[in-house]
Protein backbone atom coordinates (compact mmCIF):
# COMPACT_ATOMS: atom_id res chain seq x y z
CA UNK A 1 102.76 122.74 89.69
CA UNK A 2 105.95 124.70 89.63
CA UNK A 3 107.87 124.98 92.94
CA UNK A 4 109.08 128.49 93.73
CA UNK A 5 112.47 128.70 95.27
CA UNK A 6 112.87 130.84 98.47
CA UNK A 7 116.29 132.18 99.51
CA UNK A 8 119.66 131.94 97.90
CA UNK A 9 120.13 129.60 94.78
CA UNK A 10 121.54 126.16 95.51
CA UNK A 11 125.23 125.67 95.04
CA UNK A 12 124.99 122.24 93.65
CA UNK A 13 124.03 123.39 90.02
CA UNK A 14 120.92 121.34 89.90
CA UNK A 15 118.77 124.19 88.77
CA UNK A 16 117.80 125.57 85.44
CA UNK A 17 116.06 128.84 84.81
CA UNK A 18 115.26 129.16 88.82
CA UNK A 19 113.49 125.57 88.73
CA UNK A 20 115.15 123.07 90.83
CA UNK A 21 115.64 119.64 89.16
CA UNK A 22 113.65 116.77 90.23
CA UNK A 23 116.68 114.67 91.11
CA UNK A 24 117.67 117.40 93.80
CA UNK A 25 114.13 117.55 95.23
CA UNK A 26 114.18 113.66 95.52
CA UNK A 27 117.49 113.90 97.40
CA UNK A 28 116.17 116.78 99.53
CA UNK A 29 112.88 114.78 100.27
CA UNK A 30 114.94 111.88 101.59
CA UNK A 31 117.00 114.08 103.82
CA UNK A 32 114.05 115.78 105.15
CA UNK A 33 111.95 112.80 106.11
CA UNK A 34 114.89 110.93 107.73
CA UNK A 35 116.53 114.05 109.58
CA UNK A 36 114.05 116.59 110.21
CA UNK A 37 111.33 116.07 113.15
CA UNK A 38 109.41 119.06 111.62
CA UNK A 39 108.74 116.98 108.46
CA UNK A 40 105.17 115.34 108.51
CA UNK A 41 106.75 112.14 107.17
CA UNK A 42 109.38 111.97 109.86
CA UNK A 43 107.49 109.75 112.17
CA UNK A 44 107.42 106.98 109.37
CA UNK A 45 111.21 107.41 108.63
CA UNK A 46 113.56 109.06 110.90
CA UNK A 47 111.72 108.36 114.17
CA UNK A 48 111.70 104.68 113.46
CA UNK A 49 115.39 104.50 112.60
CA UNK A 50 115.29 104.95 108.93
CA UNK A 51 118.44 106.83 108.02
CA UNK A 52 120.44 108.26 105.03
CA UNK A 53 123.96 107.17 104.44
CA UNK A 54 126.81 109.66 105.22
CA UNK A 55 127.89 109.92 101.66
CA UNK A 56 124.41 110.87 100.53
CA UNK A 57 123.60 113.11 103.36
CA UNK A 58 126.75 115.08 103.01
CA UNK A 59 126.79 115.32 99.13
CA UNK A 60 124.14 115.88 96.61
CA UNK A 61 126.61 115.33 93.97
CA UNK A 62 127.47 111.76 95.22
CA UNK A 63 123.74 111.09 95.29
CA UNK A 64 123.24 112.41 91.81
CA UNK A 65 126.00 110.36 90.38
CA UNK A 66 124.68 107.15 92.11
CA UNK A 67 121.27 107.89 90.56
CA UNK A 68 122.50 108.72 87.22
CA UNK A 69 124.40 105.57 86.87
CA UNK A 70 121.71 103.30 88.49
CA UNK A 71 118.71 104.06 86.01
CA UNK A 72 117.32 107.39 87.35
CA UNK A 73 114.71 109.01 85.25
CA UNK A 74 112.13 111.69 86.09
CA UNK A 75 109.31 109.08 85.73
CA UNK A 76 110.76 106.79 88.46
CA UNK A 77 110.71 107.01 92.17
CA UNK A 78 113.53 105.91 94.72
CA UNK A 79 112.70 102.75 96.57
CA UNK A 80 114.29 101.03 99.27
CA UNK A 81 114.76 97.33 98.59
CA UNK A 82 114.57 96.37 102.40
CA UNK A 83 112.13 98.74 104.19
CA UNK A 84 113.73 98.16 107.51
CA UNK A 85 117.03 99.59 106.38
CA UNK A 86 117.94 103.09 105.32
CA UNK A 87 118.63 104.99 102.19
CA UNK A 88 122.03 103.86 100.86
CA UNK A 89 123.53 102.65 97.50
CA UNK A 90 123.15 99.09 98.30
CA UNK A 91 119.50 99.42 99.53
CA UNK A 92 117.84 101.51 96.93
CA UNK A 93 116.74 101.35 93.28
CA UNK A 94 114.58 103.27 90.89
CA UNK A 95 111.20 101.84 90.37
CA UNK A 96 107.80 102.94 88.92
CA UNK A 97 105.09 104.40 91.11
CA UNK A 98 103.10 101.07 91.03
CA UNK A 99 106.30 99.19 92.11
CA UNK A 100 106.90 101.44 94.82
CA UNK A 101 103.38 101.01 96.32
CA UNK A 102 104.04 97.20 96.02
CA UNK A 103 107.04 97.53 98.39
CA UNK A 104 105.48 99.11 101.30
CA UNK A 105 105.64 97.77 104.74
CA UNK A 106 101.89 97.10 104.78
CA UNK A 107 101.79 95.51 101.18
CA UNK A 108 100.76 91.82 100.73
CA UNK A 109 103.58 90.33 98.54
CA UNK A 110 102.51 87.98 95.87
CA UNK A 111 105.76 87.97 93.94
CA UNK A 112 106.90 89.43 90.65
CA UNK A 113 105.27 92.92 91.30
CA UNK A 114 101.93 91.29 91.32
CA UNK A 115 99.60 93.35 93.69
CA UNK A 116 96.55 92.90 95.69
CA UNK A 117 94.71 94.85 93.04
CA UNK A 118 95.90 92.63 90.33
CA UNK A 119 94.72 89.35 92.14
CA UNK A 120 91.50 91.04 92.97
CA UNK A 121 90.89 92.02 89.42
CA UNK A 122 91.68 88.54 88.27
CA UNK A 123 89.12 87.01 90.63
CA UNK A 124 86.43 89.74 90.01
CA UNK A 125 86.49 90.89 93.70
CA UNK A 126 87.71 93.78 95.79
CA UNK A 127 91.27 94.37 97.07
CA UNK A 128 89.69 94.23 100.80
CA UNK A 129 88.32 90.94 99.89
CA UNK A 130 91.81 89.64 99.25
CA UNK A 131 93.19 91.42 102.48
CA UNK A 132 90.22 89.83 104.41
CA UNK A 133 91.29 86.20 103.20
CA UNK A 134 94.81 86.64 104.25
CA UNK A 135 94.52 88.81 107.46
CA UNK A 136 91.15 87.44 108.78
CA UNK A 137 90.81 83.91 107.34
CA UNK A 138 94.62 83.19 107.91
CA UNK A 139 95.20 81.97 104.25
CA UNK A 140 98.61 82.13 102.51
CA UNK A 141 98.95 84.50 99.59
CA UNK A 142 98.93 81.54 97.06
CA UNK A 143 95.83 80.15 98.87
CA UNK A 144 94.12 83.79 98.73
CA UNK A 145 95.07 84.15 94.96
CA UNK A 146 93.95 80.84 93.90
CA UNK A 147 90.64 80.56 95.97
CA UNK A 148 87.66 81.29 93.53
CA UNK A 149 85.23 84.09 94.57
CA UNK A 150 83.11 82.75 97.47
CA UNK A 151 79.29 82.93 97.72
CA UNK A 152 78.01 82.39 101.23
CA UNK A 153 81.22 81.13 102.50
CA UNK A 154 81.27 77.75 100.80
CA UNK A 155 84.27 76.66 98.51
CA UNK A 156 84.90 73.11 97.12
CA UNK A 157 88.64 73.83 97.40
CA UNK A 158 89.03 75.06 101.06
CA UNK A 159 87.13 74.17 104.29
CA UNK A 160 87.60 75.49 107.88
CA UNK A 161 89.55 73.31 110.11
CA UNK A 162 88.64 72.43 113.74
CA UNK A 163 91.36 75.00 114.73
CA UNK A 164 89.26 77.70 112.87
CA UNK A 165 91.82 78.19 109.96
CA UNK A 166 90.98 77.50 106.30
CA UNK A 167 92.89 74.66 104.76
CA UNK A 168 92.89 73.09 101.38
CA UNK A 169 91.13 69.90 100.62
């Protein structure tokens, strides 16, 4: 879907034939979700203290130069390495959409970009089943990833302890 610009043309030179460049839209989106309470995503970013560094906030050119020298491409998304920190050159990188989804606050980390979906597929079960093992059964991620698919709750590798937690045998 082509976005239509309303108002005067941007001064940054990041438009071609009236179409605003994706890198500029990325920068603009970061500013909007961190700084504008009118943005729907603000509650997940600016309202919880996620900020944008002064250099990027004040200059698209500075952001563009950083992006181009750090692997930017139109097929990648910006990702914060530490989700508790804001957008800055030391905390951001360009990743695929799958890698970006892996680094969400509510994601379960298996290491080396292995997702809950990947583990579930390997075991022939659902993502919800893996999440249940970790959140409800209290298993660690290695235990949940290595425990075979259960039928009727019995498994030769794990048993429920007297404390109600699953432990390895």
